[in-house]
PDB file of N, CA and C in Angstrom:
ATOM      1  N   MET A   1     -20.331 -23.686  60.994  1.00  0.00           N
ATOM      2  CA  MET A   1     -19.308 -23.551  62.197  1.00  0.00           C
ATOM      3  C   MET A   1     -18.914 -24.625  63.493  1.00  0.00           C
ATOM      4  N   ALA A   2     -17.970 -25.345  63.484  1.00  0.00           N
ATOM      5  CA  ALA A   2     -17.837 -26.190  64.261  1.00  0.00           C
ATOM      6  C   ALA A   2     -17.891 -25.368  66.021  1.00  0.00           C
ATOM      7  N   ALA A   3     -18.747 -26.741  66.977  1.00  0.00           N
ATOM      8  CA  ALA A   3     -18.796 -26.444  68.245  1.00  0.00           C
ATOM      9  C   ALA A   3     -17.288 -25.728  69.109  1.00  0.00           C
ATOM     10  N   ARG A   4     -17.326 -24.554  70.119  1.00  0.00           N
ATOM     11  CA  ARG A   4     -16.188 -24.504  70.421  1.00  0.00           C
ATOM     12  C   ARG A   4     -16.452 -25.557  71.914  1.00  0.00           C
ATOM     13  N   PRO A   5     -14.762 -26.159  72.060  1.00  0.00           N
ATOM     14  CA  PRO A   5     -14.998 -27.355  72.848  1.00  0.00           C
ATOM     15  C   PRO A   5     -14.613 -26.978  74.429  1.00  0.00           C
ATOM     16  N   ILE A   6     -15.369 -27.503  75.479  1.00  0.00           N
ATOM     17  CA  ILE A   6     -15.704 -27.703  76.536  1.00  0.00           C
ATOM     18  C   ILE A   6     -14.695 -28.408  77.228  1.00  0.00           C
ATOM     19  N   ILE A   7     -14.229 -27.649  78.381  1.00  0.00           N
ATOM     20  CA  ILE A   7     -12.911 -28.086  79.667  1.00  0.00           C
ATOM     21  C   ILE A   7     -13.783 -28.386  80.914  1.00  0.00           C
ATOM     22  N   LYS A   8     -13.933 -29.888  81.627  1.00  0.00           N
ATOM     23  CA  LYS A   8     -14.564 -30.325  82.392  1.00  0.00           C
ATOM     24  C   LYS A   8     -13.884 -30.823  83.489  1.00  0.00           C
ATOM     25  N   ILE A   9     -13.696 -29.925  85.004  1.00  0.00           N
ATOM     26  CA  ILE A   9     -13.138 -30.248  85.660  1.00  0.00           C
ATOM     27  C   ILE A   9     -14.005 -30.776  87.040  1.00  0.00           C
ATOM     28  N   GLN A  10     -13.170 -31.544  87.638  1.00  0.00           N
ATOM     29  CA  GLN A  10     -13.956 -32.130  88.953  1.00  0.00           C
ATOM     30  C   GLN A  10     -13.377 -32.364  90.393  1.00  0.00           C
ATOM     31  N   LYS A  11     -13.687 -31.332  91.066  1.00  0.00           N
ATOM     32  CA  LYS A  11     -12.393 -31.396  92.285  1.00  0.00           C
ATOM     33  C   LYS A  11     -13.053 -32.119  93.178  1.00  0.00           C
ATOM     34  N   PHE A  12     -11.856 -33.148  94.022  1.00  0.00           N
ATOM     35  CA  PHE A  12     -12.808 -33.717  95.085  1.00  0.00           C
ATOM     36  C   PHE A  12     -12.247 -32.909  96.639  1.00  0.00           C
ATOM     37  N   LEU A  13     -12.559 -33.501  97.756  1.00  0.00           N
ATOM     38  CA  LEU A  13     -12.296 -32.753  99.071  1.00  0.00           C
ATOM     39  C   LEU A  13     -11.938 -34.021  99.737  1.00  0.00           C
ATOM     40  N   CYS A  14     -10.885 -33.963  99.514  1.00  0.00           N
ATOM     41  CA  CYS A  14      -9.687 -35.448 100.892  1.00  0.00           C
ATOM     42  C   CYS A  14      -9.484 -34.610 102.059  1.00  0.00           C
ATOM     43  N   ASP A  15     -10.019 -34.510 103.114  1.00  0.00           N
ATOM     44  CA  ASP A  15     -10.201 -34.532 104.396  1.00  0.00           C
ATOM     45  C   ASP A  15      -9.413 -35.870 105.181  1.00  0.00           C
ATOM     46  N   ASP A  16      -8.889 -36.752 104.534  1.00  0.00           N
ATOM     47  CA  ASP A  16      -8.541 -37.969 105.664  1.00  0.00           C
ATOM     48  C   ASP A  16      -6.848 -38.000 105.373  1.00  0.00           C
ATOM     49  N   THR A  17      -6.562 -37.899 106.345  1.00  0.00           N
ATOM     50  CA  THR A  17      -4.472 -37.467 106.962  1.00  0.00           C
ATOM     51  C   THR A  17      -4.266 -38.517 106.587  1.00  0.00           C
ATOM     52  N   SER A  18      -5.130 -40.193 106.373  1.00  0.00           N
ATOM     53  CA  SER A  18      -4.423 -41.657 106.641  1.00  0.00           C
ATOM     54  C   SER A  18      -4.689 -41.950 105.039  1.00  0.00           C
ATOM     55  N   TYR A  19      -4.903 -41.252 104.163  1.00  0.00           N
ATOM     56  CA  TYR A  19      -4.446 -41.652 102.936  1.00  0.00           C
ATOM     57  C   TYR A  19      -3.161 -41.392 102.344  1.00  0.00           C
ATOM     58  N   ASP A  20      -2.632 -42.302 101.223  1.00  0.00           N
ATOM     59  CA  ASP A  20      -1.919 -41.787 100.842  1.00  0.00           C
ATOM     60  C   ASP A  20      -1.461 -41.658  99.878  1.00  0.00           C
ATOM     61  N   TYR A  21      -1.916 -39.892  99.350  1.00  0.00           N
ATOM     62  CA  TYR A  21      -2.480 -39.080  98.238  1.00  0.00           C
ATOM     63  C   TYR A  21      -1.742 -39.464  97.442  1.00  0.00           C
ATOM     64  N   ASP A  22      -0.326 -39.822  97.213  1.00  0.00           N
ATOM     65  CA  ASP A  22       0.752 -39.579  96.340  1.00  0.00           C
ATOM     66  C   ASP A  22       0.837 -40.656  95.380  1.00  0.00           C
ATOM     67  N   SER A  23       0.170 -41.724  95.712  1.00  0.00           N
ATOM     68  CA  SER A  23      -0.319 -43.305  95.781  1.00  0.00           C
ATOM     69  C   SER A  23      -1.337 -43.319  94.548  1.00  0.00           C
ATOM     70  N   PHE A  24      -1.952 -42.397  94.820  1.00  0.00           N
ATOM     71  CA  PHE A  24      -3.673 -42.636  94.284  1.00  0.00           C
ATOM     72  C   PHE A  24      -3.517 -42.048  92.761  1.00  0.00           C
ATOM     73  N   THR A  25      -4.592 -42.940  91.646  1.00  0.00           N
ATOM     74  CA  THR A  25      -4.554 -43.132  90.387  1.00  0.00           C
ATOM     75  C   THR A  25      -5.346 -41.686  90.167  1.00  0.00           C
ATOM     76  N   VAL A  26      -5.289 -41.475  88.674  1.00  0.00           N
ATOM     77  CA  VAL A  26      -6.241 -40.221  88.663  1.00  0.00           C
ATOM     78  C   VAL A  26      -7.388 -39.887  88.755  1.00  0.00           C
ATOM     79  N   PHE A  27      -8.339 -41.175  88.411  1.00  0.00           N
ATOM     80  CA  PHE A  27      -9.822 -40.806  88.977  1.00  0.00           C
ATOM     81  C   PHE A  27     -10.146 -41.861  89.901  1.00  0.00           C
ATOM     82  N   ARG A  28      -9.699 -42.806  89.912  1.00  0.00           N
ATOM     83  CA  ARG A  28     -10.775 -43.977  90.345  1.00  0.00           C
ATOM     84  C   ARG A  28     -10.365 -43.986  91.990  1.00  0.00           C
ATOM     85  N   SER A  29      -8.735 -43.510  92.478  1.00  0.00           N
ATOM     86  CA  SER A  29      -8.492 -43.629  93.963  1.00  0.00           C
ATOM     87  C   SER A  29      -9.276 -42.826  94.503  1.00  0.00           C
ATOM     88  N   TYR A  30      -9.523 -41.107  93.778  1.00  0.00           N
ATOM     89  CA  TYR A  30      -9.929 -40.145  94.361  1.00  0.00           C
ATOM     90  C   TYR A  30     -11.647 -40.507  94.302  1.00  0.00           C
ATOM     91  N   PHE A  31     -12.512 -40.802  93.072  1.00  0.00           N
ATOM     92  CA  PHE A  31     -13.533 -41.299  93.632  1.00  0.00           C
ATOM     93  C   PHE A  31     -13.748 -42.035  94.942  1.00  0.00           C
ATOM     94  N   ASP A  32     -13.370 -42.895  95.051  1.00  0.00           N
ATOM     95  CA  ASP A  32     -13.516 -44.329  95.711  1.00  0.00           C
ATOM     96  C   ASP A  32     -13.309 -43.614  97.285  1.00  0.00           C
ATOM     97  N   ASN A  33     -12.498 -42.922  97.607  1.00  0.00           N
ATOM     98  CA  ASN A  33     -11.322 -42.444  98.996  1.00  0.00           C
ATOM     99  C   ASN A  33     -12.022 -41.107  99.102  1.00  0.00           C
ATOM    100  N   CYS A  34     -12.326 -40.269  97.955  1.00  0.00           N
ATOM    101  CA  CYS A  34     -13.016 -39.225  98.728  1.00  0.00           C
ATOM    102  C   CYS A  34     -13.799 -38.648  97.832  1.00  0.00           C
ATOM    103  N   PRO A  35     -15.372 -39.098  98.915  1.00  0.00           N
ATOM    104  CA  PRO A  35     -16.775 -38.867  98.484  1.00  0.00           C
ATOM    105  C   PRO A  35     -17.014 -37.737  98.052  1.00  0.00           C
ATOM    106  N   ASP A  36     -16.046 -36.988  98.758  1.00  0.00           N
ATOM    107  CA  ASP A  36     -16.716 -35.216  99.036  1.00  0.00           C
ATOM    108  C   ASP A  36     -16.371 -34.723  97.959  1.00  0.00           C
ATOM    109  N   PHE A  37     -17.177 -33.425  97.308  1.00  0.00           N
ATOM    110  CA  PHE A  37     -16.947 -32.667  95.819  1.00  0.00           C
ATOM    111  C   PHE A  37     -17.215 -31.717  96.235  1.00  0.00           C
ATOM    112  N   HIS A  38     -15.446 -30.708  95.805  1.00  0.00           N
ATOM    113  CA  HIS A  38     -14.832 -29.573  96.472  1.00  0.00           C
ATOM    114  C   HIS A  38     -15.462 -28.497  95.762  1.00  0.00           C
ATOM    115  N   ASN A  39     -16.636 -28.043  95.958  1.00  0.00           N
ATOM    116  CA  ASN A  39     -17.337 -26.638  95.804  1.00  0.00           C
ATOM    117  C   ASN A  39     -16.625 -25.709  95.948  1.00  0.00           C
ATOM    118  N   GLY A  40     -16.408 -24.416  94.865  1.00  0.00           N
ATOM    119  CA  GLY A  40     -16.244 -22.980  95.320  1.00  0.00           C
ATOM    120  C   GLY A  40     -14.873 -22.670  95.104  1.00  0.00           C
ATOM    121  N   VAL A  41     -14.099 -23.709  93.904  1.00  0.00           N
ATOM    122  CA  VAL A  41     -12.693 -23.575  93.789  1.00  0.00           C
ATOM    123  C   VAL A  41     -12.852 -22.922  92.630  1.00  0.00           C
ATOM    124  N   LYS A  42     -11.695 -22.149  92.377  1.00  0.00           N
ATOM    125  CA  LYS A  42     -11.640 -21.030  90.982  1.00  0.00           C
ATOM    126  C   LYS A  42     -10.518 -21.820  90.123  1.00  0.00           C
ATOM    127  N   PHE A  43     -10.746 -21.863  88.574  1.00  0.00           N
ATOM    128  CA  PHE A  43     -10.082 -22.004  87.611  1.00  0.00           C
ATOM    129  C   PHE A  43      -9.893 -21.306  86.737  1.00  0.00           C
ATOM    130  N   SER A  44      -9.190 -21.057  86.501  1.00  0.00           N
ATOM    131  CA  SER A  44      -8.991 -20.575  84.969  1.00  0.00           C
ATOM    132  C   SER A  44      -8.024 -21.204  84.040  1.00  0.00           C
ATOM    133  N   VAL A  45      -8.482 -20.423  82.503  1.00  0.00           N
ATOM    134  CA  VAL A  45      -7.868 -21.223  81.269  1.00  0.00           C
ATOM    135  C   VAL A  45      -7.234 -20.045  80.353  1.00  0.00           C
ATOM    136  N   ASN A  46      -5.336 -20.263  80.249  1.00  0.00           N
ATOM    137  CA  ASN A  46      -4.908 -19.171  79.513  1.00  0.00           C
ATOM    138  C   ASN A  46      -5.160 -17.835  80.423  1.00  0.00           C
ATOM    139  N   GLY A  47      -5.217 -17.969  81.692  1.00  0.00           N
ATOM    140  CA  GLY A  47      -4.694 -16.929  82.650  1.00  0.00           C
ATOM    141  C   GLY A  47      -6.343 -15.609  82.558  1.00  0.00           C
ATOM    142  N   GLY A  48      -7.597 -16.383  81.705  1.00  0.00           N
ATOM    143  CA  GLY A  48      -9.052 -15.667  81.975  1.00  0.00           C
ATOM    144  C   GLY A  48      -9.383 -15.613  83.319  1.00  0.00           C
ATOM    145  N   THR A  49     -10.894 -15.837  82.784  1.00  0.00           N
ATOM    146  CA  THR A  49     -11.621 -15.458  83.881  1.00  0.00           C
ATOM    147  C   THR A  49     -12.110 -16.564  84.682  1.00  0.00           C
ATOM    148  N   GLN A  50     -11.271 -16.449  85.894  1.00  0.00           N
ATOM    149  CA  GLN A  50     -11.777 -17.283  87.460  1.00  0.00           C
ATOM    150  C   GLN A  50     -13.269 -18.142  87.190  1.00  0.00           C
ATOM    151  N   THR A  51     -13.153 -18.999  87.247  1.00  0.00           N
ATOM    152  CA  THR A  51     -14.630 -19.753  87.344  1.00  0.00           C
ATOM    153  C   THR A  51     -14.517 -20.543  88.709  1.00  0.00           C
ATOM    154  N   ALA A  52     -15.515 -20.977  89.527  1.00  0.00           N
ATOM    155  CA  ALA A  52     -15.262 -21.625  90.308  1.00  0.00           C
ATOM    156  C   ALA A  52     -16.715 -22.718  90.602  1.00  0.00           C
ATOM    157  N   THR A  53     -15.877 -24.203  91.197  1.00  0.00           N
ATOM    158  CA  THR A  53     -16.968 -25.161  90.353  1.00  0.00           C
ATOM    159  C   THR A  53     -17.842 -25.409  91.701  1.00  0.00           C
ATOM    160  N   GLY A  54     -19.106 -26.173  91.542  1.00  0.00           N
ATOM    161  CA  GLY A  54     -20.025 -25.296  92.169  1.00  0.00           C
ATOM    162  C   GLY A  54     -21.350 -26.950  91.800  1.00  0.00           C
ATOM    163  N   ASN A  55     -22.568 -26.115  91.773  1.00  0.00           N
ATOM    164  CA  ASN A  55     -23.950 -27.284  91.292  1.00  0.00           C
ATOM    165  C   ASN A  55     -23.711 -28.426  92.637  1.00  0.00           C
ATOM    166  N   GLY A  56     -22.795 -28.763  93.336  1.00  0.00           N
ATOM    167  CA  GLY A  56     -22.839 -29.917  94.125  1.00  0.00           C
ATOM    168  C   GLY A  56     -22.389 -30.637  94.106  1.00  0.00           C
ATOM    169  N   ASN A  57     -21.524 -30.786  92.671  1.00  0.00           N
ATOM    170  CA  ASN A  57     -20.775 -31.873  92.110  1.00  0.00           C
ATOM    171  C   ASN A  57     -19.442 -31.746  91.685  1.00  0.00           C
ATOM    172  N   GLY A  58     -19.029 -30.556  92.425  1.00  0.00           N
ATOM    173  CA  GLY A  58     -17.497 -30.180  92.272  1.00  0.00           C
ATOM    174  C   GLY A  58     -17.017 -29.778  90.982  1.00  0.00           C
ATOM    175  N   THR A  59     -17.727 -29.821  89.994  1.00  0.00           N
ATOM    176  CA  THR A  59     -17.778 -29.445  88.322  1.00  0.00           C
ATOM    177  C   THR A  59     -17.538 -28.306  88.604  1.00  0.00           C
ATOM    178  N   VAL A  60     -16.442 -27.569  87.524  1.00  0.00           N
ATOM    179  CA  VAL A  60     -17.242 -26.312  86.661  1.00  0.00           C
ATOM    180  C   VAL A  60     -16.372 -26.507  85.279  1.00  0.00           C
ATOM    181  N   LYS A  61     -17.337 -25.878  84.252  1.00  0.00           N
ATOM    182  CA  LYS A  61     -17.293 -26.502  82.817  1.00  0.00           C
ATOM    183  C   LYS A  61     -16.611 -25.063  82.077  1.00  0.00           C
ATOM    184  N   ILE A  62     -15.609 -24.801  81.189  1.00  0.00           N
ATOM    185  CA  ILE A  62     -15.589 -23.827  80.664  1.00  0.00           C
ATOM    186  C   ILE A  62     -15.347 -23.648  79.626  1.00  0.00           C
ATOM    187  N   ARG A  63     -15.388 -23.328  78.907  1.00  0.00           N
ATOM    188  CA  ARG A  63     -15.910 -23.465  76.972  1.00  0.00           C
ATOM    189  C   ARG A  63     -14.473 -22.810  76.652  1.00  0.00           C
ATOM    190  N   ILE A  64     -13.853 -23.030  75.815  1.00  0.00           N
ATOM    191  CA  ILE A  64     -12.723 -22.827  74.951  1.00  0.00           C
ATOM    192  C   ILE A  64     -12.732 -21.556  73.865  1.00  0.00           C
ATOM    193  N   ILE A  65     -12.450 -20.385  74.205  1.00  0.00           N
ATOM    194  CA  ILE A  65     -12.526 -19.175  73.201  1.00  0.00           C
ATOM    195  C   ILE A  65     -11.318 -19.237  72.757  1.00  0.00           C
ATOM    196  N   GLY A  66     -10.786 -19.544  71.134  1.00  0.00           N
ATOM    197  CA  GLY A  66      -9.705 -19.087  71.174  1.00  0.00           C
ATOM    198  C   GLY A  66      -9.053 -20.684  70.133  1.00  0.00           C
ATOM    199  N   ARG A  67      -8.390 -20.583  69.721  1.00  0.00           N
ATOM    200  CA  ARG A  67      -7.703 -21.547  69.098  1.00  0.00           C
ATOM    201  C   ARG A  67      -6.348 -22.283  70.426  1.00  0.00           C
ATOM    202  N   TRP A  68      -5.763 -21.981  70.493  1.00  0.00           N
ATOM    203  CA  TRP A  68      -4.917 -22.136  71.458  1.00  0.00           C
ATOM    204  C   TRP A  68      -5.233 -22.439  72.947  1.00  0.00           C
ATOM    205  N   THR A  69      -4.687 -23.347  73.476  1.00  0.00           N
ATOM    206  CA  THR A  69      -4.935 -23.211  75.083  1.00  0.00           C
ATOM    207  C   THR A  69      -4.102 -23.653  75.751  1.00  0.00           C
ATOM    208  N   ARG A  70      -3.109 -23.049  76.736  1.00  0.00           N
ATOM    209  CA  ARG A  70      -1.577 -23.024  77.143  1.00  0.00           C
ATOM    210  C   ARG A  70      -1.840 -23.540  78.392  1.00  0.00           C
ATOM    211  N   SER A  71      -2.691 -23.540  79.087  1.00  0.00           N
ATOM    212  CA  SER A  71      -2.421 -23.167  81.173  1.00  0.00           C
ATOM    213  C   SER A  71      -3.723 -23.590  81.308  1.00  0.00           C
ATOM    214  N   ILE A  72      -3.926 -24.603  82.519  1.00  0.00           N
ATOM    215  CA  ILE A  72      -5.307 -24.352  83.241  1.00  0.00           C
ATOM    216  C   ILE A  72      -5.152 -23.930  84.464  1.00  0.00           C
ATOM    217  N   SER A  73      -4.959 -23.330  85.229  1.00  0.00           N
ATOM    218  CA  SER A  73      -4.490 -22.965  86.380  1.00  0.00           C
ATOM    219  C   SER A  73      -6.302 -22.824  88.158  1.00  0.00           C
ATOM    220  N   LEU A  74      -5.479 -23.673  89.089  1.00  0.00           N
ATOM    221  CA  LEU A  74      -6.524 -23.721  90.025  1.00  0.00           C
ATOM    222  C   LEU A  74      -5.994 -22.562  91.092  1.00  0.00           C
ATOM    223  N   HIS A  75      -7.436 -21.896  91.579  1.00  0.00           N
ATOM    224  CA  HIS A  75      -6.751 -20.561  92.560  1.00  0.00           C
ATOM    225  C   HIS A  75      -7.593 -21.026  94.297  1.00  0.00           C
ATOM    226  N   GLU A  76      -6.782 -21.708  94.384  1.00  0.00           N
ATOM    227  CA  GLU A  76      -7.155 -21.816  95.942  1.00  0.00           C
ATOM    228  C   GLU A  76      -6.432 -20.808  96.953  1.00  0.00           C
ATOM    229  N   VAL A  77      -7.706 -21.110  97.957  1.00  0.00           N
ATOM    230  CA  VAL A  77      -7.823 -19.839  98.691  1.00  0.00           C
ATOM    231  C   VAL A  77      -6.187 -19.486  99.838  1.00  0.00           C
ATOM    232  N   SER A  78      -6.454 -18.560 100.273  1.00  0.00           N
ATOM    233  CA  SER A  78      -4.862 -18.080 100.565  1.00  0.00           C
ATOM    234  C   SER A  78      -5.139 -19.288 101.887  1.00  0.00           C
ATOM    235  N   GLY A  79      -3.735 -20.152 102.308  1.00  0.00           N
ATOM    236  CA  GLY A  79      -3.747 -21.159 103.166  1.00  0.00           C
ATOM    237  C   GLY A  79      -3.865 -22.265 103.246  1.00  0.00           C
ATOM    238  N   TYR A  80      -4.566 -22.617 101.972  1.00  0.00           N
ATOM    239  CA  TYR A  80      -5.333 -23.766 101.691  1.00  0.00           C
ATOM    240  C   TYR A  80      -4.260 -24.709 101.136  1.00  0.00           C
ATOM    241  N   GLN A  81      -3.877 -26.042 102.164  1.00  0.00           N
ATOM    242  CA  GLN A  81      -2.949 -26.576 101.650  1.00  0.00           C
ATOM    243  C   GLN A  81      -3.598 -28.054 101.327  1.00  0.00           C
TER     244      GLN A  81
END
């Protein structure tokens, strides 16, 4: 039996308003300019159980159950921008 795939998401906290976040590249710019990890943010796959980032590195690992992955959702707290 093949191992089930795992999705790993890492969330960075960017709280410096002087950066042009829209021009950032997917990984390197965030890693260089947003050194803080964002823990406690919840993600879900296919509307399933919400799992929070943690472990001090802003990551969440979600094991995929089932064959089809259709969506990954970020669940921010109310009022977060």
